[in-house]
C-alpha atoms as a PDB file:
ATOM      1  CA  MET A   1     -32.238 -45.408  37.004  1.00  0.00           C
ATOM      2  CA  PRO A   2     -29.448 -42.965  35.654  1.00  0.00           C
ATOM      3  CA  ASP A   3     -27.286 -41.418  38.367  1.00  0.00           C
ATOM      4  CA  ARG A   4     -28.596 -37.934  38.075  1.00  0.00           C
ATOM      5  CA  SER A   5     -25.294 -36.575  40.184  1.00  0.00           C
ATOM      6  CA  LEU A   6     -23.259 -37.453  37.094  1.00  0.00           C
ATOM      7  CA  VAL A   7     -25.719 -35.336  34.593  1.00  0.00           C
ATOM      8  CA  SER A   8     -24.961 -31.783  34.308  1.00  0.00           C
ATOM      9  CA  PRO A   9     -28.067 -29.750  34.880  1.00  0.00           C
ATOM     10  CA  ALA A  10     -28.953 -27.108  32.410  1.00  0.00           C
ATOM     11  CA  VAL A  11     -28.162 -24.222  34.351  1.00  0.00           C
ATOM     12  CA  LEU A  12     -24.900 -24.805  36.098  1.00  0.00           C
ATOM     13  CA  HIS A  13     -25.092 -22.497  39.700  1.00  0.00           C
ATOM     14  CA  ILE A  14     -20.834 -21.554  40.045  1.00  0.00           C
ATOM     15  CA  GLY A  15     -20.574 -20.809  44.072  1.00  0.00           C
ATOM     16  CA  LEU A  16     -17.321 -18.202  45.031  1.00  0.00           C
ATOM     17  CA  ASP A  17     -16.802 -16.214  47.878  1.00  0.00           C
ATOM     18  CA  VAL A  18     -16.475 -12.533  47.527  1.00  0.00           C
ATOM     19  CA  PRO A  19     -14.981 -10.338  48.391  1.00  0.00           C
ATOM     20  CA  TYR A  20     -12.174 -11.878  47.536  1.00  0.00           C
ATOM     21  CA  GLU A  21     -10.298  -9.462  45.173  1.00  0.00           C
ATOM     22  CA  PRO A  22      -9.057  -9.740  42.646  1.00  0.00           C
ATOM     23  CA  PHE A  23     -10.571 -12.867  41.515  1.00  0.00           C
ATOM     24  CA  GLY A  24     -14.138 -12.573  42.299  1.00  0.00           C
ATOM     25  CA  LEU A  25     -15.708  -9.284  43.695  1.00  0.00           C
ATOM     26  CA  MET A  26     -18.771  -7.385  43.492  1.00  0.00           C
ATOM     27  CA  GLN A  27     -18.710  -4.348  40.690  1.00  0.00           C
ATOM     28  CA  ASP A  28     -22.230  -2.134  40.576  1.00  0.00           C
ATOM     29  CA  GLY A  29     -24.155  -5.199  42.084  1.00  0.00           C
ATOM     30  CA  GLN A  30     -22.531  -7.713  39.017  1.00  0.00           C
ATOM     31  CA  VAL A  31     -20.021 -10.483  39.820  1.00  0.00           C
ATOM     32  CA  SER A  32     -16.783  -9.764  38.826  1.00  0.00           C
ATOM     33  CA  GLY A  33     -13.018 -10.591  39.168  1.00  0.00           C
ATOM     34  CA  MET A  34     -10.087 -12.318  36.726  1.00  0.00           C
ATOM     35  CA  LEU A  35     -10.934 -15.648  37.908  1.00  0.00           C
ATOM     36  CA  VAL A  36     -14.972 -14.952  37.482  1.00  0.00           C
ATOM     37  CA  GLU A  37     -13.871 -13.557  33.877  1.00  0.00           C
ATOM     38  CA  LEU A  38     -11.876 -16.416  33.367  1.00  0.00           C
ATOM     39  CA  VAL A  39     -14.151 -20.143  34.082  1.00  0.00           C
ATOM     40  CA  GLY A  40     -17.147 -18.108  32.815  1.00  0.00           C
ATOM     41  CA  LEU A  41     -14.935 -17.897  29.344  1.00  0.00           C
ATOM     42  CA  LEU A  42     -14.088 -20.924  29.730  1.00  0.00           C
ATOM     43  CA  LEU A  43     -18.036 -22.300  30.734  1.00  0.00           C
ATOM     44  CA  THR A  44     -19.023 -20.558  27.226  1.00  0.00           C
ATOM     45  CA  ASP A  45     -16.673 -22.113  25.646  1.00  0.00           C
ATOM     46  CA  LEU A  46     -17.784 -25.351  26.291  1.00  0.00           C
ATOM     47  CA  GLY A  47     -21.548 -24.456  25.367  1.00  0.00           C
ATOM     48  CA  LEU A  48     -22.702 -24.051  28.866  1.00  0.00           C
ATOM     49  CA  GLU A  49     -24.919 -21.946  30.489  1.00  0.00           C
ATOM     50  CA  HIS A  50     -23.949 -20.943  34.531  1.00  0.00           C
ATOM     51  CA  ARG A  51     -24.515 -18.639  37.093  1.00  0.00           C
ATOM     52  CA  PHE A  52     -22.701 -17.192  39.187  1.00  0.00           C
ATOM     53  CA  VAL A  53     -24.038 -17.451  43.501  1.00  0.00           C
ATOM     54  CA  PRO A  54     -21.835 -15.389  45.144  1.00  0.00           C
ATOM     55  CA  MET A  55     -21.518 -15.878  49.009  1.00  0.00           C
ATOM     56  CA  PRO A  56     -19.008 -16.048  52.398  1.00  0.00           C
ATOM     57  CA  LEU A  57     -16.158 -17.663  51.890  1.00  0.00           C
ATOM     58  CA  ALA A  58     -16.872 -19.992  55.142  1.00  0.00           C
ATOM     59  CA  ASP A  59     -20.090 -21.066  53.171  1.00  0.00           C
ATOM     60  CA  THR A  60     -18.353 -22.181  49.748  1.00  0.00           C
ATOM     61  CA  GLU A  61     -17.520 -25.717  51.139  1.00  0.00           C
ATOM     62  CA  PRO A  62     -20.567 -26.037  52.936  1.00  0.00           C
ATOM     63  CA  ALA A  63     -22.782 -25.314  50.360  1.00  0.00           C
ATOM     64  CA  LEU A  64     -20.647 -27.508  46.949  1.00  0.00           C
ATOM     65  CA  ALA A  65     -21.153 -30.470  49.492  1.00  0.00           C
ATOM     66  CA  GLU A  66     -24.513 -29.883  50.013  1.00  0.00           C
ATOM     67  CA  GLY A  67     -25.221 -29.639  46.561  1.00  0.00           C
ATOM     68  CA  ARG A  68     -26.742 -26.045  46.808  1.00  0.00           C
ATOM     69  CA  VAL A  69     -24.354 -25.270  44.129  1.00  0.00           C
ATOM     70  CA  ASP A  70     -22.467 -27.216  41.185  1.00  0.00           C
ATOM     71  CA  ALA A  71     -19.357 -25.750  41.396  1.00  0.00           C
ATOM     72  CA  LEU A  72     -16.830 -23.249  42.932  1.00  0.00           C
ATOM     73  CA  ALA A  73     -15.423 -20.872  40.268  1.00  0.00           C
ATOM     74  CA  TYR A  74     -11.967 -20.927  42.225  1.00  0.00           C
ATOM     75  CA  LYS A  75     -10.798 -22.900  45.747  1.00  0.00           C
ATOM     76  CA  GLY A  76      -7.233 -23.921  47.071  1.00  0.00           C
ATOM     77  CA  ILE A  77      -6.469 -27.449  46.023  1.00  0.00           C
ATOM     78  CA  THR A  78      -4.859 -28.816  49.597  1.00  0.00           C
ATOM     79  CA  PRO A  79      -4.552 -32.379  50.208  1.00  0.00           C
ATOM     80  CA  ALA A  80      -7.489 -31.968  53.288  1.00  0.00           C
ATOM     81  CA  ARG A  81     -10.059 -31.508  50.337  1.00  0.00           C
ATOM     82  CA  LEU A  82      -8.822 -34.179  47.819  1.00  0.00           C
ATOM     83  CA  ALA A  83     -10.433 -36.419  49.929  1.00  0.00           C
ATOM     84  CA  SER A  84     -14.506 -34.459  49.512  1.00  0.00           C
ATOM     85  CA  ILE A  85     -13.919 -32.276  46.265  1.00  0.00           C
ATOM     86  CA  ASP A  86     -12.624 -32.648  42.517  1.00  0.00           C
ATOM     87  CA  PHE A  87      -9.969 -30.200  41.248  1.00  0.00           C
ATOM     88  CA  SER A  88      -8.994 -29.073  37.911  1.00  0.00           C
ATOM     89  CA  GLU A  89      -5.730 -28.914  36.209  1.00  0.00           C
ATOM     90  CA  PRO A  90      -4.793 -25.759  38.398  1.00  0.00           C
ATOM     91  CA  ILE A  91      -6.491 -22.026  37.105  1.00  0.00           C
ATOM     92  CA  MET A  92      -3.534 -20.153  38.682  1.00  0.00           C
ATOM     93  CA  ILE A  93      -0.714 -20.550  40.815  1.00  0.00           C
ATOM     94  CA  SER A  94      -0.999 -18.636  44.183  1.00  0.00           C
ATOM     95  CA  GLY A  95       0.343 -18.630  46.953  1.00  0.00           C
ATOM     96  CA  GLY A  96       0.697 -17.633  51.095  1.00  0.00           C
ATOM     97  CA  ALA A  97       2.486 -14.126  50.989  1.00  0.00           C
ATOM     98  CA  THR A  98       3.556 -11.690  53.705  1.00  0.00           C
ATOM     99  CA  PHE A  99       2.374  -7.892  54.245  1.00  0.00           C
ATOM    100  CA  THR A 100       4.451  -6.238  56.623  1.00  0.00           C
ATOM    101  CA  ARG A 101       5.157  -3.013  58.429  1.00  0.00           C
ATOM    102  CA  PRO A 102       6.697   0.293  57.594  1.00  0.00           C
ATOM    103  CA  GLY A 103      10.725  -0.955  58.803  1.00  0.00           C
ATOM    104  CA  LEU A 104      10.161  -4.366  58.405  1.00  0.00           C
ATOM    105  CA  LEU A 105      10.911  -6.190  54.555  1.00  0.00           C
ATOM    106  CA  PRO A 106       8.596  -9.151  53.328  1.00  0.00           C
ATOM    107  CA  SER A 107      10.391 -12.267  53.161  1.00  0.00           C
ATOM    108  CA  ASP A 108       9.053 -15.955  51.845  1.00  0.00           C
ATOM    109  CA  ASP A 109      11.470 -17.301  54.685  1.00  0.00           C
ATOM    110  CA  LEU A 110       8.847 -17.363  57.569  1.00  0.00           C
ATOM    111  CA  ARG A 111      12.091 -17.541  59.618  1.00  0.00           C
ATOM    112  CA  GLN A 112      12.534 -14.050  59.813  1.00  0.00           C
ATOM    113  CA  PHE A 113       9.504 -13.687  61.880  1.00  0.00           C
ATOM    114  CA  ASP A 114       9.478 -15.923  64.271  1.00  0.00           C
ATOM    115  CA  GLY A 115       8.690 -14.519  67.720  1.00  0.00           C
ATOM    116  CA  MET A 116       6.437 -11.610  65.817  1.00  0.00           C
ATOM    117  CA  ARG A 117       2.635 -10.903  65.470  1.00  0.00           C
ATOM    118  CA  VAL A 118       1.426 -11.690  62.548  1.00  0.00           C
ATOM    119  CA  VAL A 119      -2.362 -11.644  61.589  1.00  0.00           C
ATOM    120  CA  THR A 120      -4.894 -14.123  59.158  1.00  0.00           C
ATOM    121  CA  THR A 121      -7.742 -15.133  58.922  1.00  0.00           C
ATOM    122  CA  ARG A 122      -9.217 -18.158  60.306  1.00  0.00           C
ATOM    123  CA  HIS A 123     -10.931 -20.043  56.878  1.00  0.00           C
ATOM    124  CA  GLY A 124      -8.671 -20.753  54.737  1.00  0.00           C
ATOM    125  CA  PRO A 125      -5.732 -22.683  54.310  1.00  0.00           C
ATOM    126  CA  LEU A 126      -3.240 -20.113  55.987  1.00  0.00           C
ATOM    127  CA  TRP A 127      -4.639 -20.536  59.959  1.00  0.00           C
ATOM    128  CA  ARG A 128      -3.930 -24.004  59.835  1.00  0.00           C
ATOM    129  CA  HIS A 129      -0.241 -23.997  58.015  1.00  0.00           C
ATOM    130  CA  LEU A 130       1.096 -21.151  60.298  1.00  0.00           C
ATOM    131  CA  GLN A 131      -0.443 -22.971  63.639  1.00  0.00           C
ATOM    132  CA  ILE A 132       1.451 -26.243  62.190  1.00  0.00           C
ATOM    133  CA  GLU A 133       4.529 -25.093  60.949  1.00  0.00           C
ATOM    134  CA  HIS A 134       5.330 -21.953  62.369  1.00  0.00           C
ATOM    135  CA  PRO A 135       4.372 -22.426  66.228  1.00  0.00           C
ATOM    136  CA  ALA A 136       6.957 -19.584  66.967  1.00  0.00           C
ATOM    137  CA  LEU A 137       5.248 -16.840  65.414  1.00  0.00           C
ATOM    138  CA  GLN A 138       1.672 -15.357  67.702  1.00  0.00           C
ATOM    139  CA  LEU A 139      -0.862 -16.180  65.349  1.00  0.00           C
ATOM    140  CA  LEU A 140      -3.468 -13.082  64.786  1.00  0.00           C
ATOM    141  CA  PRO A 141      -7.002 -13.333  63.588  1.00  0.00           C
ATOM    142  CA  ALA A 142      -8.779 -11.207  61.152  1.00  0.00           C
ATOM    143  CA  GLU A 143     -12.503 -11.508  59.907  1.00  0.00           C
ATOM    144  CA  HIS A 144     -11.379 -10.080  56.874  1.00  0.00           C
ATOM    145  CA  TYR A 145      -7.687  -8.749  54.261  1.00  0.00           C
ATOM    146  CA  GLN A 146      -9.175  -5.825  54.841  1.00  0.00           C
ATOM    147  CA  GLN A 147      -9.073  -6.080  58.803  1.00  0.00           C
ATOM    148  CA  ALA A 148      -5.779  -7.671  58.945  1.00  0.00           C
ATOM    149  CA  LEU A 149      -4.192  -4.783  56.558  1.00  0.00           C
ATOM    150  CA  GLU A 150      -5.029  -2.204  58.740  1.00  0.00           C
ATOM    151  CA  MET A 151      -3.989  -3.927  62.188  1.00  0.00           C
ATOM    152  CA  VAL A 152      -0.335  -4.030  60.445  1.00  0.00           C
ATOM    153  CA  LEU A 153      -0.668   0.082  60.011  1.00  0.00           C
ATOM    154  CA  ARG A 154      -1.927   0.202  63.730  1.00  0.00           C
ATOM    155  CA  GLY A 155       1.079  -1.456  65.197  1.00  0.00           C
ATOM    156  CA  GLU A 156      -0.974  -4.425  66.353  1.00  0.00           C
ATOM    157  CA  ALA A 157       1.096  -6.770  64.147  1.00  0.00           C
ATOM    158  CA  ASP A 158       4.279  -7.084  62.217  1.00  0.00           C
ATOM    159  CA  LEU A 159       2.557  -8.473  59.364  1.00  0.00           C
ATOM    160  CA  ALA A 160      -0.244  -9.882  57.610  1.00  0.00           C
ATOM    161  CA  ALA A 161       0.021 -13.225  56.294  1.00  0.00           C
ATOM    162  CA  LEU A 162      -2.641 -13.617  53.218  1.00  0.00           C
ATOM    163  CA  ASN A 163      -3.128 -14.514  49.584  1.00  0.00           C
ATOM    164  CA  MET A 164       0.077 -13.129  47.767  1.00  0.00           C
ATOM    165  CA  HIS A 165      -2.765 -11.623  44.594  1.00  0.00           C
ATOM    166  CA  ALA A 166      -5.300 -10.734  47.149  1.00  0.00           C
ATOM    167  CA  GLY A 167      -3.364  -9.279  49.449  1.00  0.00           C
ATOM    168  CA  ARG A 168      -1.641  -7.037  46.867  1.00  0.00           C
ATOM    169  CA  ALA A 169      -4.840  -5.707  45.184  1.00  0.00           C
ATOM    170  CA  ILE A 170      -6.486  -5.161  48.194  1.00  0.00           C
ATOM    171  CA  ALA A 171      -3.026  -2.966  49.635  1.00  0.00           C
ATOM    172  CA  GLN A 172      -2.188  -1.524  46.377  1.00  0.00           C
ATOM    173  CA  ARG A 173      -6.076   0.186  46.691  1.00  0.00           C
ATOM    174  CA  LEU A 174      -6.822   1.454  50.154  1.00  0.00           C
ATOM    175  CA  PHE A 175      -2.730   1.224  51.551  1.00  0.00           C
ATOM    176  CA  PRO A 176      -0.744   2.461  48.222  1.00  0.00           C
ATOM    177  CA  GLY A 177       2.685   2.735  49.238  1.00  0.00           C
ATOM    178  CA  GLN A 178       1.490   1.920  53.450  1.00  0.00           C
ATOM    179  CA  LEU A 179       2.733  -1.832  53.788  1.00  0.00           C
ATOM    180  CA  GLY A 180       6.031  -3.923  52.779  1.00  0.00           C
ATOM    181  CA  LEU A 181       4.398  -6.044  49.175  1.00  0.00           C
ATOM    182  CA  PRO A 182       5.516  -9.434  48.818  1.00  0.00           C
ATOM    183  CA  GLN A 183       6.966 -10.612  45.191  1.00  0.00           C
ATOM    184  CA  ARG A 184       7.082 -14.486  46.098  1.00  0.00           C
ATOM    185  CA  PRO A 185       4.810 -16.426  48.079  1.00  0.00           C
ATOM    186  CA  TYR A 186       6.179 -18.611  51.081  1.00  0.00           C
ATOM    187  CA  MET A 187       3.522 -21.785  50.648  1.00  0.00           C
ATOM    188  CA  PRO A 188       2.736 -21.800  47.255  1.00  0.00           C
ATOM    189  CA  LEU A 189      -1.001 -22.410  46.802  1.00  0.00           C
ATOM    190  CA  ARG A 190      -2.599 -24.344  43.234  1.00  0.00           C
ATOM    191  CA  THR A 191      -6.341 -23.099  42.599  1.00  0.00           C
ATOM    192  CA  GLY A 192      -8.582 -24.923  40.326  1.00  0.00           C
ATOM    193  CA  PHE A 193     -12.382 -25.256  39.369  1.00  0.00           C
ATOM    194  CA  ALA A 194     -14.252 -27.182  42.619  1.00  0.00           C
ATOM    195  CA  LEU A 195     -16.365 -29.697  41.538  1.00  0.00           C
ATOM    196  CA  ARG A 196     -18.156 -31.905  44.702  1.00  0.00           C
ATOM    197  CA  ARG A 197     -16.201 -35.504  43.901  1.00  0.00           C
ATOM    198  CA  GLY A 198     -17.680 -38.069  41.878  1.00  0.00           C
ATOM    199  CA  SER A 199     -20.376 -35.101  40.807  1.00  0.00           C
ATOM    200  CA  HIS A 200     -19.533 -33.896  37.211  1.00  0.00           C
ATOM    201  CA  PRO A 201     -16.428 -36.197  35.612  1.00  0.00           C
ATOM    202  CA  GLU A 202     -17.392 -35.283  32.188  1.00  0.00           C
ATOM    203  CA  LEU A 203     -17.083 -31.868  32.754  1.00  0.00           C
ATOM    204  CA  LEU A 204     -14.096 -32.010  34.867  1.00  0.00           C
ATOM    205  CA  LEU A 205     -12.341 -32.899  31.793  1.00  0.00           C
ATOM    206  CA  ARG A 206     -13.808 -30.512  29.005  1.00  0.00           C
ATOM    207  CA  PHE A 207     -12.965 -27.872  31.405  1.00  0.00           C
ATOM    208  CA  ASN A 208      -9.223 -28.722  31.647  1.00  0.00           C
ATOM    209  CA  ALA A 209      -9.838 -29.250  27.999  1.00  0.00           C
ATOM    210  CA  ALA A 210     -11.255 -25.318  27.817  1.00  0.00           C
ATOM    211  CA  LEU A 211      -8.334 -23.639  30.107  1.00  0.00           C
ATOM    212  CA  ALA A 212      -5.249 -26.047  28.008  1.00  0.00           C
ATOM    213  CA  ALA A 213      -7.171 -24.329  24.911  1.00  0.00           C
ATOM    214  CA  ALA A 214      -7.178 -20.080  26.514  1.00  0.00           C
ATOM    215  CA  ARG A 215      -3.677 -20.772  27.729  1.00  0.00           C
ATOM    216  CA  ALA A 216      -2.774 -21.999  24.546  1.00  0.00           C
ATOM    217  CA  ASP A 217      -4.227 -19.131  22.269  1.00  0.00           C
ATOM    218  CA  GLY A 218      -2.954 -16.485  24.618  1.00  0.00           C
ATOM    219  CA  ARG A 219      -6.599 -15.834  26.524  1.00  0.00           C
ATOM    220  CA  TRP A 220      -5.680 -16.788  29.501  1.00  0.00           C
ATOM    221  CA  GLN A 221      -2.862 -14.625  29.991  1.00  0.00           C
ATOM    222  CA  THR A 222      -5.274 -11.028  28.982  1.00  0.00           C
ATOM    223  CA  VAL A 223      -7.490 -12.250  31.719  1.00  0.00           C
ATOM    224  CA  HIS A 224      -4.486 -12.429  33.881  1.00  0.00           C
ATOM    225  CA  ASP A 225      -3.245  -9.411  33.190  1.00  0.00           C
ATOM    226  CA  ARG A 226      -5.864  -7.238  32.891  1.00  0.00           C
ATOM    227  CA  TRP A 227      -6.811  -7.838  36.720  1.00  0.00           C
ATOM    228  CA  VAL A 228      -3.155  -8.285  38.137  1.00  0.00           C
ATOM    229  CA  ARG A 229      -0.561  -5.419  38.284  1.00  0.00           C
END
């Protein structure tokens, strides 16, 4: 019998963590966001019926590993994840960046903040990277990005280490002009469409081809510019 794990289902269930503004969020009860729109566009180009399944960040990788979803709309491409996840070519490059209290300038050189208090979430690659690579920082946990930025504004932390695009979107919406905003990431991170390792190799090849076409004809840039300012 054929290996059913290598056959694309009739409807692809695509997991994503929300809120992860501007990449994925809920608006009027509907899933939206830059990478939701872009991945949906590419899957439609391929003629693939799909359904987005929003969930907390902590549930995304277990849901993929256990087959509760067929793919993740976006996930940072890290060496640790390559053992269990197949990634598309990068959909975009973002990364960890610094958001600072008033009077403290953002920087892509974290050594400038040695001894200071930095807050980030435990989920995702930033917490572990700071633990290992920057032990001189005083690391504080937050449940989500809004809480991390609020801790900086209340003086409980000197800076937040967050995804650059997501952090900027939330800071500009909730706390305009109150925080130092980054221009460059201190840790660039490629983000890709993610599949359980070995599950849908043909889909991955087709997705990469559709992504290249959308970059070439300008649709990728159009979607990007609609969400990222």
